Amino acid sequence: MISYSEAINSIDSSFLYSCEGETYEGINWQDNRDIPSKVVLDAEIVRLKEEDVAQEYARNRATEYPTIAEQLDEIFHNGIDSWKAVIKVTKDKYPKG
């Protein structure tokens, strides 16, 4: 779950604030600048969630690929075509968007 803190920091990490709970009303602003409205922060939370979902395949791939050492060993012993087949299994399991 994306929090208001994450949304605030995404918009401007220099804002001074503290949060009590998970609601907009729980944000205690200690900043004299114009603060983001609830609408702006809610929109940023939606954007961050969409970005997170869009990058899920990359996170999954990163944990599923064989280690570099294992990949190099595959190339050395079985050639590039075999290595491509090994990598394709993960790419097919977690396709881009």
PDB file of N, CA and C in Angstrom:
ATOM      1  N   MET A   1       0.835  -1.174   0.000  1.00  0.00           N
ATOM      2  CA  MET A   1       0.000   0.000   0.000  1.00  0.00           C
ATOM      3  C   MET A   1       0.885   1.243   0.000  1.00  0.00           C
ATOM      4  N   ILE A   2       0.593   2.149  -0.871  1.00  0.00           N
ATOM      5  CA  ILE A   2       1.328   3.407  -0.959  1.00  0.00           C
ATOM      6  C   ILE A   2       0.747   4.367   0.085  1.00  0.00           C
ATOM      7  N   SER A   3       1.614   4.969   0.886  1.00  0.00           N
ATOM      8  CA  SER A   3       1.157   5.848   1.959  1.00  0.00           C
ATOM      9  C   SER A   3       1.214   7.318   1.542  1.00  0.00           C
ATOM     10  N   TYR A   4       0.571   8.140   2.365  1.00  0.00           N
ATOM     11  CA  TYR A   4       0.653   9.582   2.136  1.00  0.00           C
ATOM     12  C   TYR A   4       2.106  10.056   2.250  1.00  0.00           C
ATOM     13  N   SER A   5       2.868   9.467   3.150  1.00  0.00           N
ATOM     14  CA  SER A   5       4.285   9.849   3.276  1.00  0.00           C
ATOM     15  C   SER A   5       5.029   9.621   1.968  1.00  0.00           C
ATOM     16  N   GLU A   6       4.795   8.470   1.341  1.00  0.00           N
ATOM     17  CA  GLU A   6       5.448   8.181   0.065  1.00  0.00           C
ATOM     18  C   GLU A   6       5.018   9.180  -1.005  1.00  0.00           C
ATOM     19  N   ALA A   7       3.729   9.525  -1.009  1.00  0.00           N
ATOM     20  CA  ALA A   7       3.233  10.495  -1.991  1.00  0.00           C
ATOM     21  C   ALA A   7       3.847  11.872  -1.754  1.00  0.00           C
ATOM     22  N   ILE A   8       3.904  12.288  -0.493  1.00  0.00           N
ATOM     23  CA  ILE A   8       4.502  13.587  -0.175  1.00  0.00           C
ATOM     24  C   ILE A   8       5.958  13.614  -0.612  1.00  0.00           C
ATOM     25  N   ASN A   9       6.697  12.598  -0.259  1.00  0.00           N
ATOM     26  CA  ASN A   9       8.116  12.549  -0.609  1.00  0.00           C
ATOM     27  C   ASN A   9       8.337  12.467  -2.112  1.00  0.00           C
ATOM     28  N   SER A  10       7.412  11.845  -2.813  1.00  0.00           N
ATOM     29  CA  SER A  10       7.514  11.773  -4.261  1.00  0.00           C
ATOM     30  C   SER A  10       7.310  13.148  -4.892  1.00  0.00           C
ATOM     31  N   ILE A  11       6.396  13.910  -4.336  1.00  0.00           N
ATOM     32  CA  ILE A  11       6.131  15.254  -4.862  1.00  0.00           C
ATOM     33  C   ILE A  11       7.275  16.197  -4.525  1.00  0.00           C
ATOM     34  N   ASP A  12       7.698  16.174  -3.250  1.00  0.00           N
ATOM     35  CA  ASP A  12       8.795  17.055  -2.816  1.00  0.00           C
ATOM     36  C   ASP A  12       9.336  16.520  -1.502  1.00  0.00           C
ATOM     37  N   SER A  13      10.502  15.918  -1.551  1.00  0.00           N
ATOM     38  CA  SER A  13      11.069  15.275  -0.362  1.00  0.00           C
ATOM     39  C   SER A  13      11.544  16.268   0.694  1.00  0.00           C
ATOM     40  N   SER A  14      11.480  17.553   0.405  1.00  0.00           N
ATOM     41  CA  SER A  14      11.929  18.529   1.398  1.00  0.00           C
ATOM     42  C   SER A  14      10.792  19.052   2.283  1.00  0.00           C
ATOM     43  N   PHE A  15       9.554  18.587   2.059  1.00  0.00           N
ATOM     44  CA  PHE A  15       8.453  19.003   2.929  1.00  0.00           C
ATOM     45  C   PHE A  15       8.728  18.545   4.362  1.00  0.00           C
ATOM     46  N   LEU A  16       8.379  19.373   5.307  1.00  0.00           N
ATOM     47  CA  LEU A  16       8.500  19.032   6.724  1.00  0.00           C
ATOM     48  C   LEU A  16       7.116  18.661   7.247  1.00  0.00           C
ATOM     49  N   TYR A  17       6.988  17.442   7.770  1.00  0.00           N
ATOM     50  CA  TYR A  17       5.692  16.958   8.238  1.00  0.00           C
ATOM     51  C   TYR A  17       5.907  15.724   9.100  1.00  0.00           C
ATOM     52  N   SER A  18       4.870  15.331   9.787  1.00  0.00           N
ATOM     53  CA  SER A  18       4.830  14.037  10.462  1.00  0.00           C
ATOM     54  C   SER A  18       3.438  13.460  10.225  1.00  0.00           C
ATOM     55  N   CYS A  19       3.319  12.168  10.356  1.00  0.00           N
ATOM     56  CA  CYS A  19       2.029  11.513  10.110  1.00  0.00           C
ATOM     57  C   CYS A  19       1.593  10.739  11.345  1.00  0.00           C
ATOM     58  N   GLU A  20       0.321  10.882  11.669  1.00  0.00           N
ATOM     59  CA  GLU A  20      -0.306  10.070  12.708  1.00  0.00           C
ATOM     60  C   GLU A  20      -1.397   9.273  12.017  1.00  0.00           C
ATOM     61  N   GLY A  21      -1.145   8.018  11.770  1.00  0.00           N
ATOM     62  CA  GLY A  21      -2.115   7.185  11.076  1.00  0.00           C
ATOM     63  C   GLY A  21      -1.945   7.260   9.568  1.00  0.00           C
ATOM     64  N   GLU A  22      -2.967   6.785   8.873  1.00  0.00           N
ATOM     65  CA  GLU A  22      -2.906   6.653   7.422  1.00  0.00           C
ATOM     66  C   GLU A  22      -3.876   7.565   6.692  1.00  0.00           C
ATOM     67  N   THR A  23      -4.350   8.618   7.340  1.00  0.00           N
ATOM     68  CA  THR A  23      -5.307   9.508   6.694  1.00  0.00           C
ATOM     69  C   THR A  23      -4.669  10.863   6.406  1.00  0.00           C
ATOM     70  N   TYR A  24      -5.259  11.587   5.482  1.00  0.00           N
ATOM     71  CA  TYR A  24      -4.773  12.931   5.163  1.00  0.00           C
ATOM     72  C   TYR A  24      -4.876  13.829   6.397  1.00  0.00           C
ATOM     73  N   GLU A  25      -5.935  13.631   7.151  1.00  0.00           N
ATOM     74  CA  GLU A  25      -6.148  14.450   8.347  1.00  0.00           C
ATOM     75  C   GLU A  25      -5.064  14.197   9.399  1.00  0.00           C
ATOM     76  N   GLY A  26      -4.386  13.058   9.322  1.00  0.00           N
ATOM     77  CA  GLY A  26      -3.325  12.722  10.272  1.00  0.00           C
ATOM     78  C   GLY A  26      -1.973  13.321   9.923  1.00  0.00           C
ATOM     79  N   ILE A  27      -1.903  14.069   8.829  1.00  0.00           N
ATOM     80  CA  ILE A  27      -0.634  14.703   8.443  1.00  0.00           C
ATOM     81  C   ILE A  27      -0.503  16.013   9.207  1.00  0.00           C
ATOM     82  N   ASN A  28       0.584  16.150   9.923  1.00  0.00           N
ATOM     83  CA  ASN A  28       0.878  17.379  10.659  1.00  0.00           C
ATOM     84  C   ASN A  28       1.958  18.126   9.894  1.00  0.00           C
ATOM     85  N   TRP A  29       1.547  19.177   9.197  1.00  0.00           N
ATOM     86  CA  TRP A  29       2.475  19.946   8.375  1.00  0.00           C
ATOM     87  C   TRP A  29       3.275  20.911   9.247  1.00  0.00           C
ATOM     88  N   GLN A  30       4.577  20.905   9.080  1.00  0.00           N
ATOM     89  CA  GLN A  30       5.452  21.825   9.798  1.00  0.00           C
ATOM     90  C   GLN A  30       6.200  22.682   8.783  1.00  0.00           C
ATOM     91  N   ASP A  31       5.516  23.003   7.729  1.00  0.00           N
ATOM     92  CA  ASP A  31       6.109  23.695   6.591  1.00  0.00           C
ATOM     93  C   ASP A  31       5.277  24.930   6.285  1.00  0.00           C
ATOM     94  N   ASN A  32       5.912  26.036   5.972  1.00  0.00           N
ATOM     95  CA  ASN A  32       5.189  27.274   5.667  1.00  0.00           C
ATOM     96  C   ASN A  32       4.830  27.403   4.189  1.00  0.00           C
ATOM     97  N   ARG A  33       5.322  26.489   3.367  1.00  0.00           N
ATOM     98  CA  ARG A  33       5.016  26.542   1.938  1.00  0.00           C
ATOM     99  C   ARG A  33       3.610  26.029   1.684  1.00  0.00           C
ATOM    100  N   ASP A  34       3.137  26.236   0.452  1.00  0.00           N
ATOM    101  CA  ASP A  34       1.848  25.659   0.060  1.00  0.00           C
ATOM    102  C   ASP A  34       1.949  24.142   0.152  1.00  0.00           C
ATOM    103  N   ILE A  35       1.046  23.555   0.879  1.00  0.00           N
ATOM    104  CA  ILE A  35       1.074  22.111   1.054  1.00  0.00           C
ATOM    105  C   ILE A  35       0.143  21.456   0.035  1.00  0.00           C
ATOM    106  N   PRO A  36       0.459  20.240  -0.385  1.00  0.00           N
ATOM    107  CA  PRO A  36      -0.393  19.551  -1.352  1.00  0.00           C
ATOM    108  C   PRO A  36      -1.759  19.222  -0.748  1.00  0.00           C
ATOM    109  N   SER A  37      -2.790  19.374  -1.545  1.00  0.00           N
ATOM    110  CA  SER A  37      -4.149  19.049  -1.100  1.00  0.00           C
ATOM    111  C   SER A  37      -4.340  17.537  -1.066  1.00  0.00           C
ATOM    112  N   LYS A  38      -5.419  17.111  -0.452  1.00  0.00           N
ATOM    113  CA  LYS A  38      -5.758  15.690  -0.424  1.00  0.00           C
ATOM    114  C   LYS A  38      -5.932  15.164  -1.842  1.00  0.00           C
ATOM    115  N   VAL A  39      -6.563  15.942  -2.708  1.00  0.00           N
ATOM    116  CA  VAL A  39      -6.779  15.534  -4.102  1.00  0.00           C
ATOM    117  C   VAL A  39      -5.434  15.294  -4.797  1.00  0.00           C
ATOM    118  N   VAL A  40      -4.495  16.192  -4.600  1.00  0.00           N
ATOM    119  CA  VAL A  40      -3.170  16.065  -5.221  1.00  0.00           C
ATOM    120  C   VAL A  40      -2.450  14.832  -4.689  1.00  0.00           C
ATOM    121  N   LEU A  41      -2.490  14.636  -3.371  1.00  0.00           N
ATOM    122  CA  LEU A  41      -1.813  13.472  -2.790  1.00  0.00           C
ATOM    123  C   LEU A  41      -2.486  12.164  -3.195  1.00  0.00           C
ATOM    124  N   ASP A  42      -3.816  12.151  -3.248  1.00  0.00           N
ATOM    125  CA  ASP A  42      -4.516  10.940  -3.692  1.00  0.00           C
ATOM    126  C   ASP A  42      -4.157  10.606  -5.141  1.00  0.00           C
ATOM    127  N   ALA A  43      -4.054  11.616  -5.981  1.00  0.00           N
ATOM    128  CA  ALA A  43      -3.660  11.392  -7.383  1.00  0.00           C
ATOM    129  C   ALA A  43      -2.233  10.857  -7.461  1.00  0.00           C
ATOM    130  N   GLU A  44      -1.356  11.345  -6.601  1.00  0.00           N
ATOM    131  CA  GLU A  44       0.030  10.861  -6.593  1.00  0.00           C
ATOM    132  C   GLU A  44       0.088   9.415  -6.107  1.00  0.00           C
ATOM    133  N   ILE A  45      -0.751   9.063  -5.146  1.00  0.00           N
ATOM    134  CA  ILE A  45      -0.814   7.674  -4.684  1.00  0.00           C
ATOM    135  C   ILE A  45      -1.258   6.765  -5.824  1.00  0.00           C
ATOM    136  N   VAL A  46      -2.253   7.170  -6.586  1.00  0.00           N
ATOM    137  CA  VAL A  46      -2.711   6.384  -7.740  1.00  0.00           C
ATOM    138  C   VAL A  46      -1.577   6.227  -8.746  1.00  0.00           C
ATOM    139  N   ARG A  47      -0.868   7.322  -9.036  1.00  0.00           N
ATOM    140  CA  ARG A  47       0.242   7.271  -9.993  1.00  0.00           C
ATOM    141  C   ARG A  47       1.343   6.329  -9.507  1.00  0.00           C
ATOM    142  N   LEU A  48       1.685   6.408  -8.223  1.00  0.00           N
ATOM    143  CA  LEU A  48       2.728   5.533  -7.669  1.00  0.00           C
ATOM    144  C   LEU A  48       2.308   4.071  -7.701  1.00  0.00           C
ATOM    145  N   LYS A  49       1.013   3.789  -7.434  1.00  0.00           N
ATOM    146  CA  LYS A  49       0.506   2.406  -7.506  1.00  0.00           C
ATOM    147  C   LYS A  49       0.613   1.875  -8.930  1.00  0.00           C
ATOM    148  N   GLU A  50       0.228   2.698  -9.905  1.00  0.00           N
ATOM    149  CA  GLU A  50       0.302   2.281 -11.308  1.00  0.00           C
ATOM    150  C   GLU A  50       1.748   2.016 -11.714  1.00  0.00           C
ATOM    151  N   GLU A  51       2.643   2.864 -11.263  1.00  0.00           N
ATOM    152  CA  GLU A  51       4.063   2.681 -11.567  1.00  0.00           C
ATOM    153  C   GLU A  51       4.585   1.393 -10.928  1.00  0.00           C
ATOM    154  N   ASP A  52       4.152   1.132  -9.699  1.00  0.00           N
ATOM    155  CA  ASP A  52       4.575  -0.074  -8.990  1.00  0.00           C
ATOM    156  C   ASP A  52       4.098  -1.331  -9.721  1.00  0.00           C
ATOM    157  N   VAL A  53       2.845  -1.323 -10.151  1.00  0.00           N
ATOM    158  CA  VAL A  53       2.295  -2.466 -10.886  1.00  0.00           C
ATOM    159  C   VAL A  53       3.029  -2.651 -12.208  1.00  0.00           C
ATOM    160  N   ALA A  54       3.321  -1.548 -12.889  1.00  0.00           N
ATOM    161  CA  ALA A  54       3.998  -1.623 -14.185  1.00  0.00           C
ATOM    162  C   ALA A  54       5.407  -2.196 -14.056  1.00  0.00           C
ATOM    163  N   GLN A  55       6.026  -2.037 -12.913  1.00  0.00           N
ATOM    164  CA  GLN A  55       7.391  -2.528 -12.718  1.00  0.00           C
ATOM    165  C   GLN A  55       7.451  -3.882 -12.001  1.00  0.00           C
ATOM    166  N   GLU A  56       6.292  -4.452 -11.710  1.00  0.00           N
ATOM    167  CA  GLU A  56       6.262  -5.729 -11.002  1.00  0.00           C
ATOM    168  C   GLU A  56       7.005  -6.822 -11.769  1.00  0.00           C
ATOM    169  N   TYR A  57       6.840  -6.837 -13.092  1.00  0.00           N
ATOM    170  CA  TYR A  57       7.521  -7.863 -13.886  1.00  0.00           C
ATOM    171  C   TYR A  57       9.035  -7.769 -13.704  1.00  0.00           C
ATOM    172  N   ALA A  58       9.564  -6.563 -13.628  1.00  0.00           N
ATOM    173  CA  ALA A  58      11.019  -6.378 -13.488  1.00  0.00           C
ATOM    174  C   ALA A  58      11.500  -6.905 -12.138  1.00  0.00           C
ATOM    175  N   ARG A  59      10.749  -6.644 -11.079  1.00  0.00           N
ATOM    176  CA  ARG A  59      11.126  -7.163  -9.760  1.00  0.00           C
ATOM    177  C   ARG A  59      11.076  -8.690  -9.752  1.00  0.00           C
ATOM    178  N   ASN A  60      10.040  -9.254 -10.362  1.00  0.00           N
ATOM    179  CA  ASN A  60       9.923 -10.709 -10.416  1.00  0.00           C
ATOM    180  C   ASN A  60      11.060 -11.324 -11.214  1.00  0.00           C
ATOM    181  N   ARG A  61      11.364 -10.723 -12.345  1.00  0.00           N
ATOM    182  CA  ARG A  61      12.462 -11.237 -13.166  1.00  0.00           C
ATOM    183  C   ARG A  61      13.779 -11.201 -12.401  1.00  0.00           C
ATOM    184  N   ALA A  62      14.014 -10.118 -11.696  1.00  0.00           N
ATOM    185  CA  ALA A  62      15.283  -9.952 -10.991  1.00  0.00           C
ATOM    186  C   ALA A  62      15.524 -11.072  -9.989  1.00  0.00           C
ATOM    187  N   THR A  63      14.465 -11.579  -9.396  1.00  0.00           N
ATOM    188  CA  THR A  63      14.636 -12.652  -8.411  1.00  0.00           C
ATOM    189  C   THR A  63      14.610 -14.038  -9.042  1.00  0.00           C
ATOM    190  N   GLU A  64      14.145 -14.141 -10.274  1.00  0.00           N
ATOM    191  CA  GLU A  64      14.006 -15.442 -10.929  1.00  0.00           C
ATOM    192  C   GLU A  64      15.180 -15.810 -11.837  1.00  0.00           C
ATOM    193  N   TYR A  65      15.853 -14.807 -12.393  1.00  0.00           N
ATOM    194  CA  TYR A  65      16.974 -15.115 -13.280  1.00  0.00           C
ATOM    195  C   TYR A  65      18.049 -15.879 -12.518  1.00  0.00           C
ATOM    196  N   PRO A  66      18.732 -16.785 -13.200  1.00  0.00           N
ATOM    197  CA  PRO A  66      19.892 -17.421 -12.562  1.00  0.00           C
ATOM    198  C   PRO A  66      20.954 -16.355 -12.247  1.00  0.00           C
ATOM    199  N   THR A  67      21.815 -16.658 -11.295  1.00  0.00           N
ATOM    200  CA  THR A  67      22.892 -15.723 -10.970  1.00  0.00           C
ATOM    201  C   THR A  67      23.787 -15.529 -12.192  1.00  0.00           C
ATOM    202  N   ILE A  68      24.549 -14.468 -12.192  1.00  0.00           N
ATOM    203  CA  ILE A  68      25.482 -14.220 -13.298  1.00  0.00           C
ATOM    204  C   ILE A  68      26.450 -15.396 -13.451  1.00  0.00           C
ATOM    205  N   ALA A  69      26.925 -15.916 -12.329  1.00  0.00           N
ATOM    206  CA  ALA A  69      27.850 -17.058 -12.384  1.00  0.00           C
ATOM    207  C   ALA A  69      27.192 -18.265 -13.056  1.00  0.00           C
ATOM    208  N   GLU A  70      25.922 -18.515 -12.704  1.00  0.00           N
ATOM    209  CA  GLU A  70      25.201 -19.633 -13.316  1.00  0.00           C
ATOM    210  C   GLU A  70      24.974 -19.387 -14.805  1.00  0.00           C
ATOM    211  N   GLN A  71      24.683 -18.139 -15.172  1.00  0.00           N
ATOM    212  CA  GLN A  71      24.486 -17.816 -16.581  1.00  0.00           C
ATOM    213  C   GLN A  71      25.775 -17.998 -17.374  1.00  0.00           C
ATOM    214  N   LEU A  72      26.877 -17.525 -16.830  1.00  0.00           N
ATOM    215  CA  LEU A  72      28.165 -17.690 -17.521  1.00  0.00           C
ATOM    216  C   LEU A  72      28.530 -19.165 -17.642  1.00  0.00           C
ATOM    217  N   ASP A  73      28.238 -19.926 -16.609  1.00  0.00           N
ATOM    218  CA  ASP A  73      28.504 -21.367 -16.649  1.00  0.00           C
ATOM    219  C   ASP A  73      27.657 -22.034 -17.733  1.00  0.00           C
ATOM    220  N   GLU A  74      26.407 -21.611 -17.849  1.00  0.00           N
ATOM    221  CA  GLU A  74      25.519 -22.144 -18.889  1.00  0.00           C
ATOM    222  C   GLU A  74      26.091 -21.849 -20.274  1.00  0.00           C
ATOM    223  N   ILE A  75      26.548 -20.625 -20.481  1.00  0.00           N
ATOM    224  CA  ILE A  75      27.139 -20.245 -21.776  1.00  0.00           C
ATOM    225  C   ILE A  75      28.386 -21.078 -22.057  1.00  0.00           C
ATOM    226  N   PHE A  76      29.241 -21.193 -21.065  1.00  0.00           N
ATOM    227  CA  PHE A  76      30.506 -21.915 -21.250  1.00  0.00           C
ATOM    228  C   PHE A  76      30.258 -23.377 -21.608  1.00  0.00           C
ATOM    229  N   HIS A  77      29.356 -24.023 -20.879  1.00  0.00           N
ATOM    230  CA  HIS A  77      29.144 -25.463 -21.073  1.00  0.00           C
ATOM    231  C   HIS A  77      28.176 -25.802 -22.201  1.00  0.00           C
ATOM    232  N   ASN A  78      27.194 -24.914 -22.462  1.00  0.00           N
ATOM    233  CA  ASN A  78      26.144 -25.291 -23.403  1.00  0.00           C
ATOM    234  C   ASN A  78      25.923 -24.295 -24.540  1.00  0.00           C
ATOM    235  N   GLY A  79      26.616 -23.167 -24.508  1.00  0.00           N
ATOM    236  CA  GLY A  79      26.526 -22.211 -25.604  1.00  0.00           C
ATOM    237  C   GLY A  79      25.443 -21.150 -25.406  1.00  0.00           C
ATOM    238  N   ILE A  80      25.517 -20.149 -26.264  1.00  0.00           N
ATOM    239  CA  ILE A  80      24.608 -18.998 -26.195  1.00  0.00           C
ATOM    240  C   ILE A  80      23.153 -19.399 -26.408  1.00  0.00           C
ATOM    241  N   ASP A  81      22.888 -20.275 -27.351  1.00  0.00           N
ATOM    242  CA  ASP A  81      21.502 -20.663 -27.622  1.00  0.00           C
ATOM    243  C   ASP A  81      20.856 -21.332 -26.410  1.00  0.00           C
ATOM    244  N   SER A  82      21.600 -22.146 -25.699  1.00  0.00           N
ATOM    245  CA  SER A  82      21.083 -22.773 -24.493  1.00  0.00           C
ATOM    246  C   SER A  82      20.824 -21.727 -23.416  1.00  0.00           C
ATOM    247  N   TRP A  83      21.751 -20.775 -23.280  1.00  0.00           N
ATOM    248  CA  TRP A  83      21.575 -19.685 -22.302  1.00  0.00           C
ATOM    249  C   TRP A  83      20.319 -18.868 -22.627  1.00  0.00           C
ATOM    250  N   LYS A  84      20.124 -18.561 -23.922  1.00  0.00           N
ATOM    251  CA  LYS A  84      18.933 -17.817 -24.322  1.00  0.00           C
ATOM    252  C   LYS A  84      17.663 -18.563 -23.933  1.00  0.00           C
ATOM    253  N   ALA A  85      17.664 -19.876 -24.071  1.00  0.00           N
ATOM    254  CA  ALA A  85      16.501 -20.685 -23.704  1.00  0.00           C
ATOM    255  C   ALA A  85      16.246 -20.621 -22.197  1.00  0.00           C
ATOM    256  N   VAL A  86      17.310 -20.647 -21.411  1.00  0.00           N
ATOM    257  CA  VAL A  86      17.169 -20.556 -19.956  1.00  0.00           C
ATOM    258  C   VAL A  86      16.577 -19.203 -19.570  1.00  0.00           C
ATOM    259  N   ILE A  87      17.083 -18.136 -20.158  1.00  0.00           N
ATOM    260  CA  ILE A  87      16.611 -16.782 -19.852  1.00  0.00           C
ATOM    261  C   ILE A  87      15.164 -16.594 -20.335  1.00  0.00           C
ATOM    262  N   LYS A  88      14.831 -17.173 -21.461  1.00  0.00           N
ATOM    263  CA  LYS A  88      13.485 -17.034 -22.026  1.00  0.00           C
ATOM    264  C   LYS A  88      12.412 -17.586 -21.101  1.00  0.00           C
ATOM    265  N   VAL A  89      12.737 -18.620 -20.336  1.00  0.00           N
ATOM    266  CA  VAL A  89      11.767 -19.190 -19.396  1.00  0.00           C
ATOM    267  C   VAL A  89      11.284 -18.107 -18.427  1.00  0.00           C
ATOM    268  N   THR A  90      12.213 -17.323 -17.876  1.00  0.00           N
ATOM    269  CA  THR A  90      11.840 -16.255 -16.941  1.00  0.00           C
ATOM    270  C   THR A  90      11.140 -15.120 -17.665  1.00  0.00           C
ATOM    271  N   LYS A  91      11.635 -14.751 -18.843  1.00  0.00           N
ATOM    272  CA  LYS A  91      10.997 -13.677 -19.611  1.00  0.00           C
ATOM    273  C   LYS A  91       9.553 -14.046 -19.971  1.00  0.00           C
ATOM    274  N   ASP A  92       9.321 -15.296 -20.320  1.00  0.00           N
ATOM    275  CA  ASP A  92       7.972 -15.733 -20.662  1.00  0.00           C
ATOM    276  C   ASP A  92       7.069 -15.785 -19.422  1.00  0.00           C
ATOM    277  N   LYS A  93       7.654 -16.152 -18.282  1.00  0.00           N
ATOM    278  CA  LYS A  93       6.892 -16.236 -17.044  1.00  0.00           C
ATOM    279  C   LYS A  93       6.448 -14.851 -16.565  1.00  0.00           C
ATOM    280  N   TYR A  94       7.305 -13.835 -16.784  1.00  0.00           N
ATOM    281  CA  TYR A  94       7.033 -12.467 -16.351  1.00  0.00           C
ATOM    282  C   TYR A  94       7.203 -11.506 -17.527  1.00  0.00           C
ATOM    283  N   PRO A  95       6.240 -11.477 -18.454  1.00  0.00           N
ATOM    284  CA  PRO A  95       6.362 -10.602 -19.616  1.00  0.00           C
ATOM    285  C   PRO A  95       6.209  -9.128 -19.240  1.00  0.00           C
ATOM    286  N   LYS A  96       6.791  -8.268 -20.060  1.00  0.00           N
ATOM    287  CA  LYS A  96       6.629  -6.834 -19.857  1.00  0.00           C
ATOM    288  C   LYS A  96       5.184  -6.462 -20.126  1.00  0.00           C
ATOM    289  N   GLY A  97       4.683  -5.548 -19.251  1.00  0.00           N
ATOM    290  CA  GLY A  97       3.350  -4.980 -19.371  1.00  0.00           C
ATOM    291  C   GLY A  97       2.481  -5.661 -20.299  1.00  0.00           C
TER     292      GLY A  97
END
